């Protein structure tokens, strides 16, 4: 068994959309969708690795999604947390990335979609550094 994390998941994405997105890679055991992210559990780890390799950055329900092995199984090996990519600068007080922040409206969901907390954003002790951003981005 291997679990795959799906980030930047559209609010319009349904379980059937996610199932269709991953179906050709192998047998799925479970699909769990949250607010802006989700998890897919495969029977075979190799199927999960193939899906991560091929689907990361592809469009699902109109948005480009982040697809990577979940938990301690993430690419990059080692200790798991802070394994690179966009998450490496978002840290919890315990020293690692905390997906619960996304449920509170934090995370990587930009624009006017908002999070679960609603209301105005507030200052925190955390900052995000954005590098190599094209001037064509809004």
C-alpha atoms as a PDB file:
ATOM      1  CA  UNK A   1       0.000   0.000   0.000  1.00  0.00           C
ATOM      2  CA  UNK A   2       1.082   3.563  -0.704  1.00  0.00           C
ATOM      3  CA  UNK A   3      -0.669   6.856  -0.147  1.00  0.00           C
ATOM      4  CA  UNK A   4      -0.408   9.767  -2.608  1.00  0.00           C
ATOM      5  CA  UNK A   5      -0.969  13.408  -1.656  1.00  0.00           C
ATOM      6  CA  UNK A   6      -2.843  15.678  -4.113  1.00  0.00           C
ATOM      7  CA  UNK A   7      -2.310  19.400  -3.502  1.00  0.00           C
ATOM      8  CA  UNK A   8      -3.844  22.496  -5.097  1.00  0.00           C
ATOM      9  CA  UNK A   9      -7.047  20.532  -5.629  1.00  0.00           C
ATOM     10  CA  UNK A  10      -9.923  22.532  -7.121  1.00  0.00           C
ATOM     11  CA  UNK A  11     -13.044  23.050  -5.022  1.00  0.00           C
ATOM     12  CA  UNK A  12     -15.002  21.621  -7.967  1.00  0.00           C
ATOM     13  CA  UNK A  13     -13.092  18.295  -7.983  1.00  0.00           C
ATOM     14  CA  UNK A  14     -15.222  15.286  -7.049  1.00  0.00           C
ATOM     15  CA  UNK A  15     -14.210  11.797  -5.986  1.00  0.00           C
ATOM     16  CA  UNK A  16     -15.150  10.462  -9.411  1.00  0.00           C
ATOM     17  CA  UNK A  17     -12.855  13.051 -11.071  1.00  0.00           C
ATOM     18  CA  UNK A  18      -9.950  11.988  -8.867  1.00  0.00           C
ATOM     19  CA  UNK A  19     -10.714   8.315  -9.506  1.00  0.00           C
ATOM     20  CA  UNK A  20     -10.692   8.886 -13.286  1.00  0.00           C
ATOM     21  CA  UNK A  21      -7.431  10.868 -12.966  1.00  0.00           C
ATOM     22  CA  UNK A  22      -5.611   7.993 -11.199  1.00  0.00           C
ATOM     23  CA  UNK A  23      -7.477   4.935 -12.515  1.00  0.00           C
ATOM     24  CA  UNK A  24      -5.031   3.926 -15.267  1.00  0.00           C
ATOM     25  CA  UNK A  25      -2.157   3.611 -12.781  1.00  0.00           C
ATOM     26  CA  UNK A  26      -3.538   0.754 -10.732  1.00  0.00           C
ATOM     27  CA  UNK A  27      -6.104  -0.366  -8.209  1.00  0.00           C
ATOM     28  CA  UNK A  28      -7.226   2.326  -5.767  1.00  0.00           C
ATOM     29  CA  UNK A  29      -8.125   1.398  -2.207  1.00  0.00           C
ATOM     30  CA  UNK A  30      -9.395   4.719  -0.902  1.00  0.00           C
ATOM     31  CA  UNK A  31      -9.880   8.344  -1.966  1.00  0.00           C
ATOM     32  CA  UNK A  32     -10.075  11.062   0.696  1.00  0.00           C
ATOM     33  CA  UNK A  33     -10.817  14.647  -0.340  1.00  0.00           C
ATOM     34  CA  UNK A  34     -10.332  17.649   1.942  1.00  0.00           C
ATOM     35  CA  UNK A  35     -10.577  21.401   1.361  1.00  0.00           C
ATOM     36  CA  UNK A  36      -7.997  22.048  -1.387  1.00  0.00           C
ATOM     37  CA  UNK A  37      -6.131  18.735  -1.084  1.00  0.00           C
ATOM     38  CA  UNK A  38      -6.693  15.022  -0.844  1.00  0.00           C
ATOM     39  CA  UNK A  39      -5.189  11.556  -0.671  1.00  0.00           C
ATOM     40  CA  UNK A  40      -5.393   8.471  -2.858  1.00  0.00           C
ATOM     41  CA  UNK A  41      -4.312   5.092  -1.536  1.00  0.00           C
ATOM     42  CA  UNK A  42      -2.986   2.543  -4.031  1.00  0.00           C
ATOM     43  CA  UNK A  43      -2.720  -1.226  -3.511  1.00  0.00           C
ATOM     44  CA  UNK A  44       0.792  -1.264  -4.991  1.00  0.00           C
ATOM     45  CA  UNK A  45       3.575   1.189  -4.167  1.00  0.00           C
ATOM     46  CA  UNK A  46       4.987   1.006  -7.717  1.00  0.00           C
ATOM     47  CA  UNK A  47       1.639   2.138  -9.116  1.00  0.00           C
ATOM     48  CA  UNK A  48       1.690   5.124  -6.739  1.00  0.00           C
ATOM     49  CA  UNK A  49       5.249   6.008  -7.788  1.00  0.00           C
ATOM     50  CA  UNK A  50       4.258   5.879 -11.475  1.00  0.00           C
ATOM     51  CA  UNK A  51       1.261   8.130 -10.824  1.00  0.00           C
ATOM     52  CA  UNK A  52       3.437  10.662  -8.968  1.00  0.00           C
ATOM     53  CA  UNK A  53       5.984  10.721 -11.776  1.00  0.00           C
ATOM     54  CA  UNK A  54       3.406  11.157 -14.555  1.00  0.00           C
ATOM     55  CA  UNK A  55       0.667  13.280 -12.945  1.00  0.00           C
ATOM     56  CA  UNK A  56       2.533  15.889 -10.904  1.00  0.00           C
ATOM     57  CA  UNK A  57       1.778  19.278 -12.507  1.00  0.00           C
ATOM     58  CA  UNK A  58      -1.093  17.969 -14.663  1.00  0.00           C
ATOM     59  CA  UNK A  59      -4.544  19.565 -14.699  1.00  0.00           C
ATOM     60  CA  UNK A  60      -7.399  18.111 -12.670  1.00  0.00           C
ATOM     61  CA  UNK A  61     -10.741  19.967 -12.789  1.00  0.00           C
ATOM     62  CA  UNK A  62      -9.033  22.994 -14.317  1.00  0.00           C
ATOM     63  CA  UNK A  63      -6.157  23.452 -11.832  1.00  0.00           C
ATOM     64  CA  UNK A  64      -2.600  22.140 -11.974  1.00  0.00           C
ATOM     65  CA  UNK A  65      -2.215  19.745  -9.072  1.00  0.00           C
ATOM     66  CA  UNK A  66       0.768  18.733  -6.966  1.00  0.00           C
ATOM     67  CA  UNK A  67       1.038  14.945  -6.771  1.00  0.00           C
ATOM     68  CA  UNK A  68       3.580  13.329  -4.442  1.00  0.00           C
ATOM     69  CA  UNK A  69       3.968  10.361  -2.153  1.00  0.00           C
ATOM     70  CA  UNK A  70       2.364  11.140   1.199  1.00  0.00           C
ATOM     71  CA  UNK A  71       3.875  11.165   4.664  1.00  0.00           C
ATOM     72  CA  UNK A  72       7.283   9.619   5.177  1.00  0.00           C
ATOM     73  CA  UNK A  73       7.103   8.049   1.707  1.00  0.00           C
ATOM     74  CA  UNK A  74       7.711  11.420  -0.045  1.00  0.00           C
ATOM     75  CA  UNK A  75      10.228  11.853  -2.834  1.00  0.00           C
ATOM     76  CA  UNK A  76      13.637  12.975  -1.735  1.00  0.00           C
ATOM     77  CA  UNK A  77      13.936  10.288   0.932  1.00  0.00           C
ATOM     78  CA  UNK A  78      15.377  10.984   4.327  1.00  0.00           C
ATOM     79  CA  UNK A  79      13.243  12.210   7.179  1.00  0.00           C
ATOM     80  CA  UNK A  80      10.149  13.031   5.153  1.00  0.00           C
ATOM     81  CA  UNK A  81       9.221  16.533   6.268  1.00  0.00           C
ATOM     82  CA  UNK A  82      10.496  19.542   4.382  1.00  0.00           C
ATOM     83  CA  UNK A  83      11.523  17.333   1.465  1.00  0.00           C
ATOM     84  CA  UNK A  84      11.690  20.144  -1.083  1.00  0.00           C
ATOM     85  CA  UNK A  85       9.427  21.936  -3.474  1.00  0.00           C
ATOM     86  CA  UNK A  86       6.939  24.542  -2.394  1.00  0.00           C
ATOM     87  CA  UNK A  87       6.453  23.106   1.069  1.00  0.00           C
ATOM     88  CA  UNK A  88      10.018  23.521   2.254  1.00  0.00           C
ATOM     89  CA  UNK A  89       9.440  27.100   3.444  1.00  0.00           C
ATOM     90  CA  UNK A  90       6.124  26.465   5.194  1.00  0.00           C
ATOM     91  CA  UNK A  91       6.922  25.077   8.601  1.00  0.00           C
ATOM     92  CA  UNK A  92       4.937  24.326  11.700  1.00  0.00           C
ATOM     93  CA  UNK A  93       6.235  25.180  15.193  1.00  0.00           C
ATOM     94  CA  UNK A  94       7.161  21.494  15.492  1.00  0.00           C
ATOM     95  CA  UNK A  95       9.672  21.898  12.670  1.00  0.00           C
ATOM     96  CA  UNK A  96       7.809  20.321   9.742  1.00  0.00           C
ATOM     97  CA  UNK A  97       5.074  21.066   7.269  1.00  0.00           C
ATOM     98  CA  UNK A  98       1.639  20.864   8.824  1.00  0.00           C
ATOM     99  CA  UNK A  99      -1.267  20.173   6.449  1.00  0.00           C
ATOM    100  CA  UNK A 100      -3.718  21.228   9.147  1.00  0.00           C
ATOM    101  CA  UNK A 101      -2.724  24.818   8.308  1.00  0.00           C
ATOM    102  CA  UNK A 102      -4.497  24.409   4.950  1.00  0.00           C
ATOM    103  CA  UNK A 103      -7.742  23.529   6.693  1.00  0.00           C
ATOM    104  CA  UNK A 104      -7.474  26.804   8.624  1.00  0.00           C
ATOM    105  CA  UNK A 105      -7.157  28.780   5.399  1.00  0.00           C
ATOM    106  CA  UNK A 106      -3.368  28.808   5.136  1.00  0.00           C
ATOM    107  CA  UNK A 107      -1.378  26.764   2.677  1.00  0.00           C
ATOM    108  CA  UNK A 108      -0.995  27.439  -1.013  1.00  0.00           C
ATOM    109  CA  UNK A 109      -4.497  28.362  -2.048  1.00  0.00           C
ATOM    110  CA  UNK A 110      -4.172  31.862  -3.388  1.00  0.00           C
ATOM    111  CA  UNK A 111      -6.723  34.183  -4.891  1.00  0.00           C
ATOM    112  CA  UNK A 112     -10.179  34.813  -3.535  1.00  0.00           C
ATOM    113  CA  UNK A 113     -11.027  31.229  -2.701  1.00  0.00           C
ATOM    114  CA  UNK A 114     -10.377  31.742   1.000  1.00  0.00           C
ATOM    115  CA  UNK A 115     -10.064  29.011   3.542  1.00  0.00           C
ATOM    116  CA  UNK A 116     -12.125  27.398   6.213  1.00  0.00           C
ATOM    117  CA  UNK A 117     -11.624  30.221   8.718  1.00  0.00           C
ATOM    118  CA  UNK A 118     -13.095  33.068   6.702  1.00  0.00           C
ATOM    119  CA  UNK A 119     -12.533  36.633   7.806  1.00  0.00           C
ATOM    120  CA  UNK A 120      -9.501  38.831   7.212  1.00  0.00           C
ATOM    121  CA  UNK A 121      -5.979  37.462   7.021  1.00  0.00           C
ATOM    122  CA  UNK A 122      -3.812  38.172  10.026  1.00  0.00           C
ATOM    123  CA  UNK A 123      -0.100  38.516  10.646  1.00  0.00           C
ATOM    124  CA  UNK A 124       1.820  35.489  11.814  1.00  0.00           C
ATOM    125  CA  UNK A 125       5.439  34.812  12.633  1.00  0.00           C
ATOM    126  CA  UNK A 126       5.747  32.928   9.317  1.00  0.00           C
ATOM    127  CA  UNK A 127       6.692  34.332   5.911  1.00  0.00           C
ATOM    128  CA  UNK A 128       6.847  32.862   2.431  1.00  0.00           C
ATOM    129  CA  UNK A 129       9.684  33.630   0.046  1.00  0.00           C
ATOM    130  CA  UNK A 130       8.719  33.591  -3.648  1.00  0.00           C
ATOM    131  CA  UNK A 131      11.579  33.378  -6.127  1.00  0.00           C
ATOM    132  CA  UNK A 132      11.784  33.316  -9.925  1.00  0.00           C
ATOM    133  CA  UNK A 133       8.255  34.619 -10.395  1.00  0.00           C
ATOM    134  CA  UNK A 134       7.528  35.776 -13.920  1.00  0.00           C
ATOM    135  CA  UNK A 135       6.369  39.345 -14.396  1.00  0.00           C
ATOM    136  CA  UNK A 136       3.490  37.874 -16.401  1.00  0.00           C
ATOM    137  CA  UNK A 137       1.976  36.317 -13.289  1.00  0.00           C
ATOM    138  CA  UNK A 138      -0.891  38.086 -11.590  1.00  0.00           C
END
